[in-house]
Amino acid sequence: MEKQNLEDINKNSESQKSQNNSDFSQVEKDKIIERQLRFQELLISISTQYINSDLSDIDTLIRESLQQIGEFVESDRSYIFSYDFVNNTTSNTYEWCAEGIEPELDNLQNIPIDYITHWLDAHKKGEAFYVEDVSLLPDDGEFGLRAILEPQGIKSLIVIPKIKNNELIGFVGFDSVKKINKYNDNEKDILFVFANMLVNVLQRKEQEEKIKAQEQKKEELLQNLSFQNEQLNEYAHVVSHDLKAPLINIHTLVGWFMDDNKDKLEEKDLYPLNQVLFNVEKMDFLIKGILDYSTITKLESQDFLIDFNVMIEE
């Protein structure tokens, strides 16, 4: 009888343990789901800020989002790097550090990509590169991955590729310095979404900067054109005045001569003098045309017919 009671007790104990484990497992699952939902809500909030912003202070927005994501995933340093495949280097462009964590932005400029071939290979495949425990990495020499990460105090890291138009342009990274950090698949997926958001907002910034540069160039061209037009107007006025003065003198002198000698001059003598007056007047019209052309934007012109026969005869 006692033996039977003991067996019943053991069965009840095992059943209770199984129930407790089941309850514990469900609690853990609920926590994971709740965390994923909060992570998604944070991402939606950041996305809304990006969309509604005029991008006048894009650098502040990006640093704030790096801090928000970094704090949520409990990393100590979050950052953005750009790849330069022309010079085969990579440079830190944005960085957030938790309190008490040394920034590395200034130290991580123009780093040869040969130093990070481990995660570069992963990024070229469109994959994240994740090291849960840096201390477990092989000791692969002075320029090995472990030799690069440990001096920065990094215990865990994850770096997500940034891809624009199917082209690898950089990565977003999260370092854990105070403790080892684990990332599940769902968190990795959400970090990929964040990386894509950064690509989009930075692309918008580039486009706006190009538009501003084009507008600035257009304004400079207009100002230069306006200055040239003013110079042309001034030049035309000066030239027309300088050219008209001797023509007026010629016309006046020839006219006086013809008046003073009209009784002495025959028709054959008047012909060349009239030709002189005709050409002087023609030259005067040409000068007036130059002056009108220089101020063409200020004139009200009308269309009219031209008799080319007259022009050809002249």
C-alpha atoms as a PDB file:
ATOM      1  CA  MET A   1       0.000   0.000   0.000  1.00  0.00           C
ATOM      2  CA  GLU A   2       2.818   2.403   0.927  1.00  0.00           C
ATOM      3  CA  LYS A   3       4.622   1.462  -2.282  1.00  0.00           C
ATOM      4  CA  GLN A   4       1.525   2.311  -4.285  1.00  0.00           C
ATOM      5  CA  ASN A   5       1.216   5.690  -2.543  1.00  0.00           C
ATOM      6  CA  LEU A   6       4.861   6.456  -3.296  1.00  0.00           C
ATOM      7  CA  GLU A   7       4.354   5.670  -6.983  1.00  0.00           C
ATOM      8  CA  ASP A   8       1.278   7.906  -7.048  1.00  0.00           C
ATOM      9  CA  ILE A   9       3.254  10.717  -5.431  1.00  0.00           C
ATOM     10  CA  ASN A  10       6.066  10.363  -7.998  1.00  0.00           C
ATOM     11  CA  LYS A  11       3.561  10.398 -10.839  1.00  0.00           C
ATOM     12  CA  ASN A  12       1.902  13.501  -9.439  1.00  0.00           C
ATOM     13  CA  SER A  13       5.307  15.167  -9.021  1.00  0.00           C
ATOM     14  CA  GLU A  14       6.306  14.395 -12.611  1.00  0.00           C
ATOM     15  CA  SER A  15       2.941  15.650 -13.839  1.00  0.00           C
ATOM     16  CA  GLN A  16       3.340  18.857 -11.837  1.00  0.00           C
ATOM     17  CA  LYS A  17       6.840  19.390 -13.235  1.00  0.00           C
ATOM     18  CA  SER A  18       5.555  18.863 -16.759  1.00  0.00           C
ATOM     19  CA  GLN A  19       2.743  21.338 -16.135  1.00  0.00           C
ATOM     20  CA  ASN A  20       5.175  23.889 -14.648  1.00  0.00           C
ATOM     21  CA  ASN A  21       7.505  23.508 -17.638  1.00  0.00           C
ATOM     22  CA  SER A  22       4.573  23.941 -20.002  1.00  0.00           C
ATOM     23  CA  ASP A  23       3.438  27.063 -18.151  1.00  0.00           C
ATOM     24  CA  PHE A  24       7.011  28.438 -18.145  1.00  0.00           C
ATOM     25  CA  SER A  25       7.373  27.760 -21.852  1.00  0.00           C
ATOM     26  CA  GLN A  26       4.110  29.565 -22.604  1.00  0.00           C
ATOM     27  CA  VAL A  27       5.179  32.570 -20.513  1.00  0.00           C
ATOM     28  CA  GLU A  28       8.448  32.750 -22.422  1.00  0.00           C
ATOM     29  CA  LYS A  29       6.622  32.533 -25.742  1.00  0.00           C
ATOM     30  CA  ASP A  30       4.278  35.338 -24.697  1.00  0.00           C
ATOM     31  CA  LYS A  31       7.248  37.501 -23.711  1.00  0.00           C
ATOM     32  CA  ILE A  32       8.932  36.893 -27.061  1.00  0.00           C
ATOM     33  CA  ILE A  33       5.749  37.754 -28.965  1.00  0.00           C
ATOM     34  CA  GLU A  34       5.232  40.899 -26.870  1.00  0.00           C
ATOM     35  CA  ARG A  35       8.839  41.975 -27.486  1.00  0.00           C
ATOM     36  CA  GLN A  36       8.491  41.423 -31.229  1.00  0.00           C
ATOM     37  CA  LEU A  37       5.309  43.508 -31.286  1.00  0.00           C
ATOM     38  CA  ARG A  38       7.013  46.350 -29.392  1.00  0.00           C
ATOM     39  CA  PHE A  39       9.963  46.136 -31.769  1.00  0.00           C
ATOM     40  CA  GLN A  40       7.633  46.417 -34.768  1.00  0.00           C
ATOM     41  CA  GLU A  41       5.808  49.363 -33.191  1.00  0.00           C
ATOM     42  CA  LEU A  42       9.144  51.112 -32.627  1.00  0.00           C
ATOM     43  CA  LEU A  43      10.057  50.565 -36.259  1.00  0.00           C
ATOM     44  CA  ILE A  44       6.709  51.966 -37.414  1.00  0.00           C
ATOM     45  CA  SER A  45       7.254  55.028 -35.222  1.00  0.00           C
ATOM     46  CA  ILE A  46      10.712  55.629 -36.703  1.00  0.00           C
ATOM     47  CA  SER A  47       9.369  55.117 -40.215  1.00  0.00           C
ATOM     48  CA  THR A  48       6.646  57.716 -39.565  1.00  0.00           C
ATOM     49  CA  GLN A  49       9.276  60.213 -38.413  1.00  0.00           C
ATOM     50  CA  TYR A  50      11.307  59.607 -41.557  1.00  0.00           C
ATOM     51  CA  ILE A  51       8.288  60.025 -43.833  1.00  0.00           C
ATOM     52  CA  ASN A  52       6.913  63.163 -42.157  1.00  0.00           C
ATOM     53  CA  SER A  53      10.276  64.869 -41.812  1.00  0.00           C
ATOM     54  CA  ASP A  54      11.457  67.468 -44.308  1.00  0.00           C
ATOM     55  CA  LEU A  55      14.953  65.992 -43.899  1.00  0.00           C
ATOM     56  CA  SER A  56      16.419  69.393 -43.050  1.00  0.00           C
ATOM     57  CA  ASP A  57      18.073  67.753 -40.052  1.00  0.00           C
ATOM     58  CA  ILE A  58      18.425  64.203 -41.325  1.00  0.00           C
ATOM     59  CA  ASP A  59      21.611  63.589 -39.308  1.00  0.00           C
ATOM     60  CA  THR A  60      19.759  64.124 -36.028  1.00  0.00           C
ATOM     61  CA  LEU A  61      16.920  61.837 -37.120  1.00  0.00           C
ATOM     62  CA  ILE A  62      19.319  59.031 -38.006  1.00  0.00           C
ATOM     63  CA  ARG A  63      21.262  59.324 -34.745  1.00  0.00           C
ATOM     64  CA  GLU A  64      18.015  59.298 -32.753  1.00  0.00           C
ATOM     65  CA  SER A  65      16.810  56.175 -34.561  1.00  0.00           C
ATOM     66  CA  LEU A  66      20.182  54.482 -33.995  1.00  0.00           C
ATOM     67  CA  GLN A  67      19.789  55.198 -30.296  1.00  0.00           C
ATOM     68  CA  GLN A  68      16.194  53.936 -30.200  1.00  0.00           C
ATOM     69  CA  ILE A  69      17.006  50.681 -31.967  1.00  0.00           C
ATOM     70  CA  GLY A  70      20.277  50.261 -30.091  1.00  0.00           C
ATOM     71  CA  GLU A  71      18.611  50.659 -26.707  1.00  0.00           C
ATOM     72  CA  PHE A  72      15.793  48.310 -27.650  1.00  0.00           C
ATOM     73  CA  VAL A  73      18.103  45.459 -28.682  1.00  0.00           C
ATOM     74  CA  GLU A  74      20.268  46.250 -25.631  1.00  0.00           C
ATOM     75  CA  SER A  75      23.405  46.997 -27.621  1.00  0.00           C
ATOM     76  CA  ASP A  76      25.980  49.514 -26.390  1.00  0.00           C
ATOM     77  CA  ARG A  77      27.007  50.987 -29.718  1.00  0.00           C
ATOM     78  CA  SER A  78      25.092  51.286 -32.994  1.00  0.00           C
ATOM     79  CA  TYR A  79      26.526  52.688 -36.190  1.00  0.00           C
ATOM     80  CA  ILE A  80      26.334  53.060 -39.947  1.00  0.00           C
ATOM     81  CA  PHE A  81      29.221  52.407 -42.344  1.00  0.00           C
ATOM     82  CA  SER A  82      29.592  53.134 -46.048  1.00  0.00           C
ATOM     83  CA  TYR A  83      31.531  50.923 -48.432  1.00  0.00           C
ATOM     84  CA  ASP A  84      33.931  52.482 -50.936  1.00  0.00           C
ATOM     85  CA  PHE A  85      34.708  49.762 -53.465  1.00  0.00           C
ATOM     86  CA  VAL A  86      36.764  52.149 -55.586  1.00  0.00           C
ATOM     87  CA  ASN A  87      39.361  52.572 -52.832  1.00  0.00           C
ATOM     88  CA  ASN A  88      38.432  49.266 -51.134  1.00  0.00           C
ATOM     89  CA  THR A  89      37.720  50.933 -47.794  1.00  0.00           C
ATOM     90  CA  THR A  90      34.819  51.421 -45.410  1.00  0.00           C
ATOM     91  CA  SER A  91      34.100  54.394 -43.132  1.00  0.00           C
ATOM     92  CA  ASN A  92      31.931  55.041 -40.091  1.00  0.00           C
ATOM     93  CA  THR A  93      29.393  57.781 -40.954  1.00  0.00           C
ATOM     94  CA  TYR A  94      26.970  57.719 -37.995  1.00  0.00           C
ATOM     95  CA  GLU A  95      27.323  56.397 -34.457  1.00  0.00           C
ATOM     96  CA  TRP A  96      25.434  56.199 -31.175  1.00  0.00           C
ATOM     97  CA  CYS A  97      27.058  55.066 -27.928  1.00  0.00           C
ATOM     98  CA  ALA A  98      25.469  54.197 -24.616  1.00  0.00           C
ATOM     99  CA  GLU A  99      26.602  56.063 -21.524  1.00  0.00           C
ATOM    100  CA  GLY A 100      30.144  55.108 -20.547  1.00  0.00           C
ATOM    101  CA  ILE A 101      30.963  53.572 -23.951  1.00  0.00           C
ATOM    102  CA  GLU A 102      33.860  55.053 -25.892  1.00  0.00           C
ATOM    103  CA  PRO A 103      32.918  56.285 -29.378  1.00  0.00           C
ATOM    104  CA  GLU A 104      34.864  54.804 -32.280  1.00  0.00           C
ATOM    105  CA  LEU A 105      33.647  56.967 -35.177  1.00  0.00           C
ATOM    106  CA  ASP A 106      36.865  58.979 -35.574  1.00  0.00           C
ATOM    107  CA  ASN A 107      38.992  55.838 -35.332  1.00  0.00           C
ATOM    108  CA  LEU A 108      37.058  53.958 -38.014  1.00  0.00           C
ATOM    109  CA  GLN A 109      37.626  55.979 -41.164  1.00  0.00           C
ATOM    110  CA  ASN A 110      38.915  54.529 -44.439  1.00  0.00           C
ATOM    111  CA  ILE A 111      39.370  51.069 -42.958  1.00  0.00           C
ATOM    112  CA  PRO A 112      40.649  48.579 -45.582  1.00  0.00           C
ATOM    113  CA  ILE A 113      37.875  46.117 -46.359  1.00  0.00           C
ATOM    114  CA  ASP A 114      40.492  43.365 -46.300  1.00  0.00           C
ATOM    115  CA  TYR A 115      40.193  43.594 -42.505  1.00  0.00           C
ATOM    116  CA  ILE A 116      36.501  42.635 -42.562  1.00  0.00           C
ATOM    117  CA  THR A 117      36.299  40.025 -45.293  1.00  0.00           C
ATOM    118  CA  HIS A 118      34.279  37.828 -42.901  1.00  0.00           C
ATOM    119  CA  TRP A 119      31.205  40.001 -42.907  1.00  0.00           C
ATOM    120  CA  LEU A 120      31.853  41.489 -46.357  1.00  0.00           C
ATOM    121  CA  ASP A 121      31.387  38.005 -47.827  1.00  0.00           C
ATOM    122  CA  ALA A 122      28.108  37.676 -45.938  1.00  0.00           C
ATOM    123  CA  HIS A 123      26.935  41.133 -47.022  1.00  0.00           C
ATOM    124  CA  LYS A 124      27.643  40.381 -50.688  1.00  0.00           C
ATOM    125  CA  LYS A 125      25.200  37.495 -50.304  1.00  0.00           C
ATOM    126  CA  GLY A 126      22.651  39.842 -48.708  1.00  0.00           C
ATOM    127  CA  GLU A 127      23.077  38.178 -45.326  1.00  0.00           C
ATOM    128  CA  ALA A 128      23.716  39.502 -41.826  1.00  0.00           C
ATOM    129  CA  PHE A 129      27.012  38.756 -40.084  1.00  0.00           C
ATOM    130  CA  TYR A 130      26.521  37.795 -36.426  1.00  0.00           C
ATOM    131  CA  VAL A 131      29.076  36.975 -33.752  1.00  0.00           C
ATOM    132  CA  GLU A 132      27.426  35.981 -30.489  1.00  0.00           C
ATOM    133  CA  ASP A 133      30.677  35.664 -28.518  1.00  0.00           C
ATOM    134  CA  VAL A 134      33.790  37.414 -29.832  1.00  0.00           C
ATOM    135  CA  SER A 135      36.003  35.545 -27.357  1.00  0.00           C
ATOM    136  CA  LEU A 136      35.202  32.307 -29.190  1.00  0.00           C
ATOM    137  CA  LEU A 137      36.568  33.600 -32.493  1.00  0.00           C
ATOM    138  CA  PRO A 138      39.828  31.987 -33.644  1.00  0.00           C
ATOM    139  CA  ASP A 139      43.026  33.903 -32.977  1.00  0.00           C
ATOM    140  CA  ASP A 140      43.811  34.670 -36.624  1.00  0.00           C
ATOM    141  CA  GLY A 141      46.630  37.136 -36.220  1.00  0.00           C
ATOM    142  CA  GLU A 142      47.248  40.855 -35.832  1.00  0.00           C
ATOM    143  CA  PHE A 143      44.768  41.860 -38.547  1.00  0.00           C
ATOM    144  CA  GLY A 144      42.220  39.137 -37.875  1.00  0.00           C
ATOM    145  CA  LEU A 145      38.607  39.808 -36.914  1.00  0.00           C
ATOM    146  CA  ARG A 146      39.134  39.027 -33.242  1.00  0.00           C
ATOM    147  CA  ALA A 147      42.151  41.362 -33.111  1.00  0.00           C
ATOM    148  CA  ILE A 148      39.990  44.172 -34.511  1.00  0.00           C
ATOM    149  CA  LEU A 149      36.939  43.645 -32.296  1.00  0.00           C
ATOM    150  CA  GLU A 150      38.457  42.888 -28.884  1.00  0.00           C
ATOM    151  CA  PRO A 151      40.372  46.213 -28.532  1.00  0.00           C
ATOM    152  CA  GLN A 152      37.011  47.944 -28.941  1.00  0.00           C
ATOM    153  CA  GLY A 153      35.680  45.901 -26.032  1.00  0.00           C
ATOM    154  CA  ILE A 154      33.121  44.168 -28.243  1.00  0.00           C
ATOM    155  CA  LYS A 155      31.650  40.949 -26.846  1.00  0.00           C
ATOM    156  CA  SER A 156      28.882  40.458 -29.412  1.00  0.00           C
ATOM    157  CA  LEU A 157      27.992  42.142 -32.696  1.00  0.00           C
ATOM    158  CA  ILE A 158      25.622  41.953 -35.600  1.00  0.00           C
ATOM    159  CA  VAL A 159      26.065  43.850 -38.881  1.00  0.00           C
ATOM    160  CA  ILE A 160      23.258  44.154 -41.441  1.00  0.00           C
ATOM    161  CA  PRO A 161      24.015  45.001 -45.097  1.00  0.00           C
ATOM    162  CA  LYS A 162      22.624  48.168 -46.694  1.00  0.00           C
ATOM    163  CA  ILE A 163      21.573  47.501 -50.269  1.00  0.00           C
ATOM    164  CA  LYS A 164      20.384  50.115 -52.775  1.00  0.00           C
ATOM    165  CA  ASN A 165      19.149  49.064 -56.202  1.00  0.00           C
ATOM    166  CA  ASN A 166      20.702  45.611 -55.728  1.00  0.00           C
ATOM    167  CA  GLU A 167      24.050  47.241 -54.938  1.00  0.00           C
ATOM    168  CA  LEU A 168      25.844  46.822 -51.610  1.00  0.00           C
ATOM    169  CA  ILE A 169      26.565  50.328 -50.253  1.00  0.00           C
ATOM    170  CA  GLY A 170      27.297  49.797 -46.555  1.00  0.00           C
ATOM    171  CA  PHE A 171      26.004  48.278 -43.345  1.00  0.00           C
ATOM    172  CA  VAL A 172      24.297  48.947 -40.022  1.00  0.00           C
ATOM    173  CA  GLY A 173      25.947  47.457 -36.956  1.00  0.00           C
ATOM    174  CA  PHE A 174      25.217  46.859 -33.283  1.00  0.00           C
ATOM    175  CA  ASP A 175      27.985  46.173 -30.742  1.00  0.00           C
ATOM    176  CA  SER A 176      27.472  44.754 -27.282  1.00  0.00           C
ATOM    177  CA  VAL A 177      30.252  45.719 -24.898  1.00  0.00           C
ATOM    178  CA  LYS A 178      28.853  45.094 -21.425  1.00  0.00           C
ATOM    179  CA  LYS A 179      27.441  41.640 -22.047  1.00  0.00           C
ATOM    180  CA  ILE A 180      26.963  38.942 -24.673  1.00  0.00           C
ATOM    181  CA  ASN A 181      23.846  39.637 -26.718  1.00  0.00           C
ATOM    182  CA  LYS A 182      21.693  37.143 -28.579  1.00  0.00           C
ATOM    183  CA  TYR A 183      19.501  37.940 -31.609  1.00  0.00           C
ATOM    184  CA  ASN A 184      16.746  35.637 -32.774  1.00  0.00           C
ATOM    185  CA  ASP A 185      15.672  35.311 -36.394  1.00  0.00           C
ATOM    186  CA  ASN A 186      12.720  37.647 -35.968  1.00  0.00           C
ATOM    187  CA  GLU A 187      14.928  40.403 -34.552  1.00  0.00           C
ATOM    188  CA  LYS A 188      17.354  39.951 -37.441  1.00  0.00           C
ATOM    189  CA  ASP A 189      14.469  40.356 -39.908  1.00  0.00           C
ATOM    190  CA  ILE A 190      13.350  43.560 -38.204  1.00  0.00           C
ATOM    191  CA  LEU A 191      16.914  44.912 -38.292  1.00  0.00           C
ATOM    192  CA  PHE A 192      16.934  44.234 -42.044  1.00  0.00           C
ATOM    193  CA  VAL A 193      13.788  46.363 -42.346  1.00  0.00           C
ATOM    194  CA  PHE A 194      15.511  49.130 -40.377  1.00  0.00           C
ATOM    195  CA  ALA A 195      18.531  48.958 -42.712  1.00  0.00           C
ATOM    196  CA  ASN A 196      16.214  49.336 -45.723  1.00  0.00           C
ATOM    197  CA  MET A 197      14.543  52.328 -44.079  1.00  0.00           C
ATOM    198  CA  LEU A 198      17.937  53.969 -43.635  1.00  0.00           C
ATOM    199  CA  VAL A 199      18.778  53.367 -47.286  1.00  0.00           C
ATOM    200  CA  ASN A 200      15.512  55.000 -48.348  1.00  0.00           C
ATOM    201  CA  VAL A 201      15.870  58.060 -46.139  1.00  0.00           C
ATOM    202  CA  LEU A 202      19.514  58.564 -47.123  1.00  0.00           C
ATOM    203  CA  GLN A 203      18.498  58.211 -50.772  1.00  0.00           C
ATOM    204  CA  ARG A 204      15.877  60.913 -50.251  1.00  0.00           C
ATOM    205  CA  LYS A 205      18.549  63.096 -48.711  1.00  0.00           C
ATOM    206  CA  GLU A 206      20.856  62.543 -51.708  1.00  0.00           C
ATOM    207  CA  GLN A 207      18.060  63.419 -54.123  1.00  0.00           C
ATOM    208  CA  GLU A 208      17.178  66.582 -52.217  1.00  0.00           C
ATOM    209  CA  GLU A 209      20.834  67.617 -52.151  1.00  0.00           C
ATOM    210  CA  LYS A 210      21.069  67.054 -55.913  1.00  0.00           C
ATOM    211  CA  ILE A 211      17.950  69.150 -56.452  1.00  0.00           C
ATOM    212  CA  LYS A 212      19.340  71.914 -54.243  1.00  0.00           C
ATOM    213  CA  ALA A 213      22.656  71.792 -56.093  1.00  0.00           C
ATOM    214  CA  GLN A 214      20.845  72.015 -59.428  1.00  0.00           C
ATOM    215  CA  GLU A 215      18.731  74.920 -58.180  1.00  0.00           C
ATOM    216  CA  GLN A 216      21.863  76.645 -56.905  1.00  0.00           C
ATOM    217  CA  LYS A 217      23.590  76.107 -60.242  1.00  0.00           C
ATOM    218  CA  LYS A 218      20.531  77.386 -62.078  1.00  0.00           C
ATOM    219  CA  GLU A 219      20.451  80.498 -59.888  1.00  0.00           C
ATOM    220  CA  GLU A 220      24.145  81.118 -60.496  1.00  0.00           C
ATOM    221  CA  LEU A 221      23.643  80.749 -64.254  1.00  0.00           C
ATOM    222  CA  LEU A 222      20.723  83.187 -64.184  1.00  0.00           C
ATOM    223  CA  GLN A 223      22.720  85.704 -62.176  1.00  0.00           C
ATOM    224  CA  ASN A 224      25.655  85.325 -64.555  1.00  0.00           C
ATOM    225  CA  LEU A 225      23.356  85.723 -67.562  1.00  0.00           C
ATOM    226  CA  SER A 226      21.785  88.813 -66.025  1.00  0.00           C
ATOM    227  CA  PHE A 227      25.236  90.296 -65.404  1.00  0.00           C
ATOM    228  CA  GLN A 228      26.302  89.546 -68.974  1.00  0.00           C
ATOM    229  CA  ASN A 229      23.123  91.145 -70.319  1.00  0.00           C
ATOM    230  CA  GLU A 230      23.802  94.282 -68.297  1.00  0.00           C
ATOM    231  CA  GLN A 231      27.330  94.399 -69.664  1.00  0.00           C
ATOM    232  CA  LEU A 232      26.015  93.888 -73.196  1.00  0.00           C
ATOM    233  CA  ASN A 233      23.517  96.721 -72.774  1.00  0.00           C
ATOM    234  CA  GLU A 234      26.200  99.050 -71.466  1.00  0.00           C
ATOM    235  CA  TYR A 235      28.560  98.045 -74.265  1.00  0.00           C
ATOM    236  CA  ALA A 236      25.877  98.508 -76.907  1.00  0.00           C
ATOM    237  CA  HIS A 237      25.050 101.997 -75.652  1.00  0.00           C
ATOM    238  CA  VAL A 238      28.697 103.021 -75.578  1.00  0.00           C
ATOM    239  CA  VAL A 239      29.440 101.555 -79.013  1.00  0.00           C
ATOM    240  CA  SER A 240      26.316 103.038 -80.571  1.00  0.00           C
ATOM    241  CA  HIS A 241      27.142 106.460 -79.184  1.00  0.00           C
ATOM    242  CA  ASP A 242      30.785 106.278 -80.310  1.00  0.00           C
ATOM    243  CA  LEU A 243      29.808 105.069 -83.777  1.00  0.00           C
ATOM    244  CA  LYS A 244      26.972 107.518 -84.267  1.00  0.00           C
ATOM    245  CA  ALA A 245      29.053 110.578 -83.463  1.00  0.00           C
ATOM    246  CA  PRO A 246      31.349 110.378 -86.539  1.00  0.00           C
ATOM    247  CA  LEU A 247      28.413 109.395 -88.757  1.00  0.00           C
ATOM    248  CA  ILE A 248      26.513 112.490 -87.689  1.00  0.00           C
ATOM    249  CA  ASN A 249      29.598 114.568 -88.461  1.00  0.00           C
ATOM    250  CA  ILE A 250      29.970 112.993 -91.913  1.00  0.00           C
ATOM    251  CA  HIS A 251      26.286 113.478 -92.698  1.00  0.00           C
ATOM    252  CA  THR A 252      26.369 117.083 -91.503  1.00  0.00           C
ATOM    253  CA  LEU A 253      29.536 118.015 -93.369  1.00  0.00           C
ATOM    254  CA  VAL A 254      28.381 116.405 -96.620  1.00  0.00           C
ATOM    255  CA  GLY A 255      25.019 118.099 -96.277  1.00  0.00           C
ATOM    256  CA  TRP A 256      26.624 121.485 -95.710  1.00  0.00           C
ATOM    257  CA  PHE A 257      28.912 120.988 -98.701  1.00  0.00           C
ATOM    258  CA  MET A 258      26.010 120.088-100.941  1.00  0.00           C
ATOM    259  CA  ASP A 259      23.969 123.082 -99.775  1.00  0.00           C
ATOM    260  CA  ASP A 260      26.875 125.487-100.152  1.00  0.00           C
ATOM    261  CA  ASN A 261      27.697 124.243-103.647  1.00  0.00           C
ATOM    262  CA  LYS A 262      24.292 123.298-105.047  1.00  0.00           C
ATOM    263  CA  ASP A 263      24.609 125.873-107.821  1.00  0.00           C
ATOM    264  CA  LYS A 264      28.004 124.568-108.852  1.00  0.00           C
ATOM    265  CA  LEU A 265      27.408 120.840-108.602  1.00  0.00           C
ATOM    266  CA  GLU A 266      25.977 118.864-111.488  1.00  0.00           C
ATOM    267  CA  GLU A 267      23.896 115.683-111.271  1.00  0.00           C
ATOM    268  CA  LYS A 268      26.909 113.474-111.799  1.00  0.00           C
ATOM    269  CA  ASP A 269      28.698 115.274-108.936  1.00  0.00           C
ATOM    270  CA  LEU A 270      25.725 114.873-106.577  1.00  0.00           C
ATOM    271  CA  TYR A 271      25.346 111.132-107.128  1.00  0.00           C
ATOM    272  CA  PRO A 272      28.417 110.007-105.106  1.00  0.00           C
ATOM    273  CA  LEU A 273      27.566 112.503-102.374  1.00  0.00           C
ATOM    274  CA  ASN A 274      24.025 111.154-102.135  1.00  0.00           C
ATOM    275  CA  GLN A 275      25.511 107.647-101.962  1.00  0.00           C
ATOM    276  CA  VAL A 276      27.605 108.795 -99.024  1.00  0.00           C
ATOM    277  CA  LEU A 277      24.497 110.130 -97.262  1.00  0.00           C
ATOM    278  CA  PHE A 278      22.566 106.936 -98.074  1.00  0.00           C
ATOM    279  CA  ASN A 279      25.267 104.697 -96.622  1.00  0.00           C
ATOM    280  CA  VAL A 280      25.656 106.923 -93.584  1.00  0.00           C
ATOM    281  CA  GLU A 281      21.926 106.600 -92.928  1.00  0.00           C
ATOM    282  CA  LYS A 282      22.102 102.862 -93.557  1.00  0.00           C
ATOM    283  CA  MET A 283      24.944 102.583 -91.050  1.00  0.00           C
ATOM    284  CA  ASP A 284      22.881 104.562 -88.584  1.00  0.00           C
ATOM    285  CA  PHE A 285      20.015 102.059 -88.952  1.00  0.00           C
ATOM    286  CA  LEU A 286      22.420  99.163 -88.389  1.00  0.00           C
ATOM    287  CA  ILE A 287      23.700 100.745 -85.190  1.00  0.00           C
ATOM    288  CA  LYS A 288      20.132 101.357 -84.044  1.00  0.00           C
ATOM    289  CA  GLY A 289      19.405  97.682 -84.765  1.00  0.00           C
ATOM    290  CA  ILE A 290      22.326  96.596 -82.577  1.00  0.00           C
ATOM    291  CA  LEU A 291      21.078  98.815 -79.779  1.00  0.00           C
ATOM    292  CA  ASP A 292      17.541  97.460 -80.118  1.00  0.00           C
ATOM    293  CA  TYR A 293      18.837  93.879 -80.115  1.00  0.00           C
ATOM    294  CA  SER A 294      20.754  94.476 -76.877  1.00  0.00           C
ATOM    295  CA  THR A 295      17.537  95.611 -75.202  1.00  0.00           C
ATOM    296  CA  ILE A 296      15.248  93.162 -76.965  1.00  0.00           C
ATOM    297  CA  THR A 297      13.686  91.917 -73.711  1.00  0.00           C
ATOM    298  CA  LYS A 298      12.553  95.459 -72.930  1.00  0.00           C
ATOM    299  CA  LEU A 299      10.966  96.135 -76.299  1.00  0.00           C
ATOM    300  CA  GLU A 300       7.483  95.426 -77.530  1.00  0.00           C
ATOM    301  CA  SER A 301       7.907  94.012 -81.026  1.00  0.00           C
ATOM    302  CA  GLN A 302       5.364  93.271 -83.726  1.00  0.00           C
ATOM    303  CA  ASP A 303       5.498  90.815 -86.592  1.00  0.00           C
ATOM    304  CA  PHE A 304       5.630  92.353 -90.052  1.00  0.00           C
ATOM    305  CA  LEU A 305       6.231  91.306 -93.642  1.00  0.00           C
ATOM    306  CA  ILE A 306       9.597  91.817 -95.294  1.00  0.00           C
ATOM    307  CA  ASP A 307       9.937  92.406 -99.038  1.00  0.00           C
ATOM    308  CA  PHE A 308      13.067  90.430 -99.923  1.00  0.00           C
ATOM    309  CA  ASN A 309      13.046  91.916-103.423  1.00  0.00           C
ATOM    310  CA  VAL A 310      13.819  95.327-101.950  1.00  0.00           C
ATOM    311  CA  MET A 311      16.566  93.856 -99.797  1.00  0.00           C
ATOM    312  CA  ILE A 312      18.128  92.100-102.800  1.00  0.00           C
ATOM    313  CA  GLU A 313      18.022  95.259-104.898  1.00  0.00           C
ATOM    314  CA  GLU A 314      19.700  97.226-102.134  1.00  0.00           C
END
